Amino acid sequence: MDELLEEGFIVVRLMCAVKAGWKAISKKARNFMRELKLIAVRAMKDGKIRLVHVEITSFNQADINTVMYRAYVDDEQVLALIYHTREGHDFVSLTPNRIEKCVPEVVGAVLLSVMHLNNLEVVWITDEFFSQLIDRYAVENKTNELSLFHAFLNGEPALHVHYRENEVEVCFNKKRFSTQQQSILDAALNENIEIKHLCKSGVCGKCRLDVLSGTALATSTIIEPALIGPTQILACSFKAITSMEVE
């Protein structure tokens, strides 16, 4: 997997299923499925980049207490990530299907997107393997909005993950601006930073940007794939999940 990352990019499909009390998801809940896309880019010292594409399918249900996300690489499931609440704490656990393919870029991008989608500021990880992957992700990506603390929860060692989405910033043409959970385009315009645009609906491709580093999540499901390359986004249709550099 590391060789694939260095040579090009991984396409990851992340499927999400909601369970209430571990009962099978209802047919009605399936009707509220939505798909989102995530792109994560990290520049390497040798000038190469590491790129992760994640597709997220989520099911909306009012009384959920457990959400399971399944991530696929080349149509092969490599991990399942489970978010649930217990005794007033939010937990995320990882079940690897292919350990050799559970690399920090994939696991970290999935975790932060899940925290964003569920409006989570803090989660606990009690699994040692999962904790080590997130530790590596934090060291390699050095994002200001992510803090990790090793602690004890109920007498057991655990990793405390703190995600401060209000500290996410985007750097465009050497100008930095806070996104405040808006699209990258709207956040830039609010700071009087001009990004070329026209339709603001993901159709014209005028606001296309190259991602140099960082993670972004699509806010629209109607983006035409032909409009953007593998390391590009549309500023009007993507939100920054981590601090980013774009041009």
Protein backbone atom coordinates (compact mmCIF):
# COMPACT_ATOMS: atom_id res chain seq x y z
CA MET A 1 0.00 0.00 0.00
CA ASP A 2 2.83 2.45 0.79
CA GLU A 3 4.26 1.76 -2.68
CA LEU A 4 0.89 2.56 -4.23
CA LEU A 5 0.68 5.75 -2.23
CA GLU A 6 4.09 6.95 -3.36
CA GLU A 7 3.55 6.11 -7.02
CA GLY A 8 0.10 7.62 -7.42
CA PHE A 9 -3.07 7.50 -5.43
CA ILE A 10 -5.49 5.16 -3.70
CA VAL A 11 -9.19 5.22 -4.39
CA VAL A 12 -11.05 4.32 -1.21
CA ARG A 13 -14.80 3.66 -1.08
CA LEU A 14 -16.23 4.10 2.42
CA MET A 15 -19.64 2.58 3.03
CA CYS A 16 -21.59 3.55 6.13
CA ALA A 17 -24.41 1.60 7.76
CA VAL A 18 -26.40 2.73 10.78
CA LYS A 19 -27.53 0.31 13.44
CA ALA A 20 -29.84 1.00 16.36
CA GLY A 21 -29.02 -1.35 19.18
CA TRP A 22 -27.20 -3.54 16.63
CA LYS A 23 -30.46 -4.31 14.83
CA ALA A 24 -30.43 -4.55 11.06
CA ILE A 25 -30.86 -1.23 9.29
CA SER A 26 -34.42 -0.71 8.09
CA LYS A 27 -35.49 -0.36 4.47
CA LYS A 28 -36.82 3.11 5.28
CA ALA A 29 -33.41 4.21 6.58
CA ARG A 30 -31.79 3.16 3.31
CA ASN A 31 -33.93 5.74 1.52
CA PHE A 32 -32.02 8.49 3.35
CA MET A 33 -28.63 7.34 2.11
CA ARG A 34 -26.25 10.00 0.86
CA GLU A 35 -22.82 9.83 -0.74
CA LEU A 36 -19.94 12.22 -0.12
CA LYS A 37 -16.39 12.33 -1.40
CA LEU A 38 -13.22 13.02 0.57
CA ILE A 39 -9.79 13.92 -0.79
CA ALA A 40 -6.59 13.95 1.29
CA VAL A 41 -3.21 15.09 -0.05
CA ARG A 42 0.19 15.19 1.69
CA ALA A 43 3.39 16.48 0.13
CA MET A 44 6.46 14.25 0.62
CA LYS A 45 10.06 15.37 1.15
CA ASP A 46 11.08 13.84 -2.19
CA GLY A 47 8.56 16.02 -4.02
CA LYS A 48 6.00 13.25 -4.48
CA ILE A 49 2.54 13.37 -2.98
CA ARG A 50 0.35 10.93 -1.15
CA LEU A 51 -3.27 11.06 -2.17
CA VAL A 52 -6.32 9.37 -0.70
CA HIS A 53 -9.82 9.44 -2.23
CA VAL A 54 -12.64 8.32 0.08
CA GLU A 55 -16.29 7.86 -0.86
CA ILE A 56 -18.66 7.97 2.10
CA THR A 57 -22.17 6.59 2.07
CA SER A 58 -24.21 7.43 5.16
CA PHE A 59 -27.68 6.49 6.35
CA ASN A 60 -29.64 9.09 8.32
CA GLN A 61 -31.85 7.80 11.12
CA ALA A 62 -33.18 9.80 14.07
CA ASP A 63 -32.52 7.28 16.86
CA ILE A 64 -29.07 6.01 15.88
CA ASN A 65 -26.55 5.06 18.55
CA THR A 66 -24.05 3.21 16.39
CA VAL A 67 -22.70 4.01 12.94
CA MET A 68 -20.52 1.58 11.01
CA TYR A 69 -18.31 2.81 8.16
CA ARG A 70 -16.76 0.30 5.77
CA ALA A 71 -13.77 1.41 3.69
CA TYR A 72 -12.86 -0.26 0.42
CA VAL A 73 -9.68 -0.07 -1.66
CA ASP A 74 -10.06 -1.29 -5.24
CA ASP A 75 -13.44 -2.83 -4.31
CA GLU A 76 -11.86 -4.77 -1.45
CA GLN A 77 -12.92 -3.97 2.10
CA VAL A 78 -9.87 -3.02 4.16
CA LEU A 79 -11.45 -1.77 7.38
CA ALA A 80 -14.62 -1.06 9.30
CA LEU A 81 -14.81 1.98 11.55
CA ILE A 82 -17.52 2.07 14.22
CA TYR A 83 -18.70 5.19 16.03
CA HIS A 84 -20.86 4.77 19.11
CA THR A 85 -21.75 6.47 22.40
CA ARG A 86 -21.39 4.74 25.75
CA GLU A 87 -21.73 6.14 29.29
CA GLY A 88 -21.59 9.72 28.07
CA HIS A 89 -18.45 9.26 25.95
CA ASP A 90 -18.04 9.05 22.19
CA PHE A 91 -15.92 6.12 20.98
CA VAL A 92 -14.50 5.14 17.61
CA SER A 93 -13.17 1.63 17.04
CA LEU A 94 -11.43 0.02 14.09
CA THR A 95 -11.81 -3.48 12.70
CA PRO A 96 -9.12 -4.16 10.04
CA ASN A 97 -9.91 -6.55 7.23
CA ARG A 98 -6.55 -6.10 5.52
CA ILE A 99 -4.03 -4.88 8.10
CA GLU A 100 -1.33 -4.17 5.53
CA LYS A 101 -3.65 -1.72 3.79
CA CYS A 102 -4.74 0.17 6.92
CA VAL A 103 -2.23 2.98 6.42
CA PRO A 104 -2.35 6.27 8.42
CA GLU A 105 -3.48 8.35 5.41
CA VAL A 106 -6.60 6.24 4.95
CA VAL A 107 -7.47 5.76 8.62
CA GLY A 108 -6.76 9.39 9.59
CA ALA A 109 -8.81 10.83 6.72
CA VAL A 110 -11.72 8.54 7.56
CA LEU A 111 -11.60 9.37 11.28
CA LEU A 112 -11.62 13.15 10.77
CA SER A 113 -14.39 12.97 8.20
CA VAL A 114 -16.48 10.90 10.60
CA MET A 115 -15.86 13.42 13.40
CA HIS A 116 -16.87 16.25 11.06
CA LEU A 117 -20.01 14.52 9.82
CA ASN A 118 -21.12 13.72 13.38
CA ASN A 119 -20.13 17.15 14.82
CA LEU A 120 -17.71 15.51 17.25
CA GLU A 121 -15.02 17.51 19.03
CA VAL A 122 -13.74 14.64 21.17
CA VAL A 123 -13.64 10.87 20.71
CA TRP A 124 -11.91 8.06 22.59
CA ILE A 125 -9.95 5.23 20.99
CA THR A 126 -9.21 2.21 23.17
CA ASP A 127 -7.68 -0.06 20.53
CA GLU A 128 -3.85 -0.04 20.53
CA PHE A 129 -3.44 -0.66 16.78
CA PHE A 130 -5.93 2.10 15.91
CA SER A 131 -4.20 4.48 18.36
CA GLN A 132 -0.81 3.83 16.77
CA LEU A 133 -2.17 4.61 13.30
CA ILE A 134 -3.68 7.90 14.45
CA ASP A 135 -0.46 8.78 16.30
CA ARG A 136 1.45 8.28 13.03
CA TYR A 137 -1.14 10.28 11.09
CA ALA A 138 -0.84 13.21 13.51
CA VAL A 139 2.98 13.20 13.36
CA GLU A 140 3.15 12.93 9.58
CA ASN A 141 0.46 15.54 8.85
CA LYS A 142 1.04 18.03 11.70
CA THR A 143 -2.44 19.56 11.61
CA ASN A 144 -3.08 22.30 14.20
CA GLU A 145 -6.71 21.31 14.59
CA LEU A 146 -5.90 17.77 15.81
CA SER A 147 -4.60 17.06 19.32
CA LEU A 148 -3.94 13.66 20.84
CA PHE A 149 -3.60 12.79 24.53
CA HIS A 150 -2.75 9.40 25.96
CA ALA A 151 -4.82 8.86 29.10
CA PHE A 152 -6.78 6.28 31.04
CA LEU A 153 -10.52 5.72 30.73
CA ASN A 154 -12.22 3.46 33.25
CA GLY A 155 -8.77 2.25 34.29
CA GLU A 156 -7.75 1.27 30.75
CA PRO A 157 -5.27 3.07 28.45
CA ALA A 158 -6.99 5.11 25.75
CA LEU A 159 -6.26 7.77 23.16
CA HIS A 160 -8.16 11.03 23.57
CA VAL A 161 -8.67 12.64 20.15
CA HIS A 162 -9.59 16.35 20.10
CA TYR A 163 -10.65 17.87 16.76
CA ARG A 164 -10.96 21.67 16.72
CA GLU A 165 -12.72 22.38 13.44
CA ASN A 166 -12.82 26.12 14.17
CA GLU A 167 -9.03 26.19 13.76
CA VAL A 168 -9.09 24.85 10.21
CA GLU A 169 -7.46 27.33 7.80
CA VAL A 170 -6.90 27.39 4.05
CA CYS A 171 -3.85 28.97 2.42
CA PHE A 172 -4.49 30.32 -1.10
CA ASN A 173 -1.90 32.50 -2.88
CA LYS A 174 -0.07 32.95 0.44
CA LYS A 175 -3.24 34.29 2.08
CA ARG A 176 -4.75 32.39 4.99
CA PHE A 177 -8.39 32.37 5.95
CA SER A 178 -10.59 30.49 8.39
CA THR A 179 -13.28 28.30 6.88
CA GLN A 180 -15.78 28.24 9.80
CA GLN A 181 -17.40 25.09 8.33
CA GLN A 182 -18.27 26.90 5.09
CA SER A 183 -17.31 25.92 1.58
CA ILE A 184 -13.78 27.00 0.68
CA LEU A 185 -15.16 29.52 -1.82
CA ASP A 186 -17.64 31.12 0.59
CA ALA A 187 -15.02 31.32 3.33
CA ALA A 188 -12.55 33.03 0.97
CA LEU A 189 -15.12 35.54 -0.32
CA ASN A 190 -16.13 36.40 3.26
CA GLU A 191 -12.50 37.40 3.85
CA ASN A 192 -12.38 39.42 0.60
CA ILE A 193 -10.07 36.84 -0.96
CA GLU A 194 -10.96 36.39 -4.61
CA ILE A 195 -11.14 32.88 -6.06
CA LYS A 196 -12.33 32.78 -9.66
CA HIS A 197 -15.88 31.46 -9.80
CA LEU A 198 -19.10 31.66 -11.75
CA CYS A 199 -21.95 29.26 -10.96
CA LYS A 200 -21.14 28.40 -7.30
CA SER A 201 -22.96 25.09 -7.78
CA GLY A 202 -20.24 22.71 -8.98
CA VAL A 203 -21.21 22.83 -12.63
CA CYS A 204 -18.92 25.25 -14.47
CA GLY A 205 -15.55 24.25 -12.99
CA LYS A 206 -14.38 27.88 -12.81
CA CYS A 207 -13.35 27.60 -9.14
CA ARG A 208 -11.17 24.52 -9.69
CA LEU A 209 -8.14 24.42 -7.36
CA ASP A 210 -5.09 22.21 -7.05
CA VAL A 211 -4.66 20.70 -3.58
CA LEU A 212 -1.05 20.86 -2.37
CA SER A 213 -1.79 19.50 1.09
CA GLY A 214 -4.71 18.88 3.41
CA THR A 215 -8.06 17.10 3.46
CA ALA A 216 -11.35 18.30 1.95
CA LEU A 217 -14.87 16.86 1.89
CA ALA A 218 -17.34 17.37 -0.96
CA THR A 219 -20.57 19.16 -0.04
CA SER A 220 -22.32 18.23 -3.29
CA THR A 221 -23.14 14.93 -4.92
CA ILE A 222 -23.55 16.37 -8.41
CA ILE A 223 -19.90 17.21 -9.14
CA GLU A 224 -19.00 16.18 -12.68
CA PRO A 225 -15.86 13.97 -12.47
CA ALA A 226 -14.56 15.37 -15.75
CA LEU A 227 -14.28 18.83 -14.18
CA ILE A 228 -11.49 17.94 -11.74
CA GLY A 229 -8.32 15.88 -11.75
CA PRO A 230 -7.26 13.47 -9.00
CA THR A 231 -5.61 16.23 -6.91
CA GLN A 232 -8.16 18.95 -7.64
CA ILE A 233 -11.32 20.24 -5.97
CA LEU A 234 -14.03 22.77 -6.71
CA ALA A 235 -13.88 25.53 -4.10
CA CYS A 236 -17.65 25.97 -4.18
CA SER A 237 -18.35 22.30 -3.51
CA PHE A 238 -15.73 21.27 -0.94
CA LYS A 239 -15.18 22.04 2.73
CA ALA A 240 -11.79 21.82 4.43
CA ILE A 241 -11.60 19.03 7.01
CA THR A 242 -7.99 19.88 7.93
CA SER A 243 -5.93 22.96 7.25
CA MET A 244 -5.07 23.05 3.55
CA GLU A 245 -2.82 24.65 0.98
CA VAL A 246 -4.37 25.17 -2.45
CA GLU A 247 -3.53 27.08 -5.62
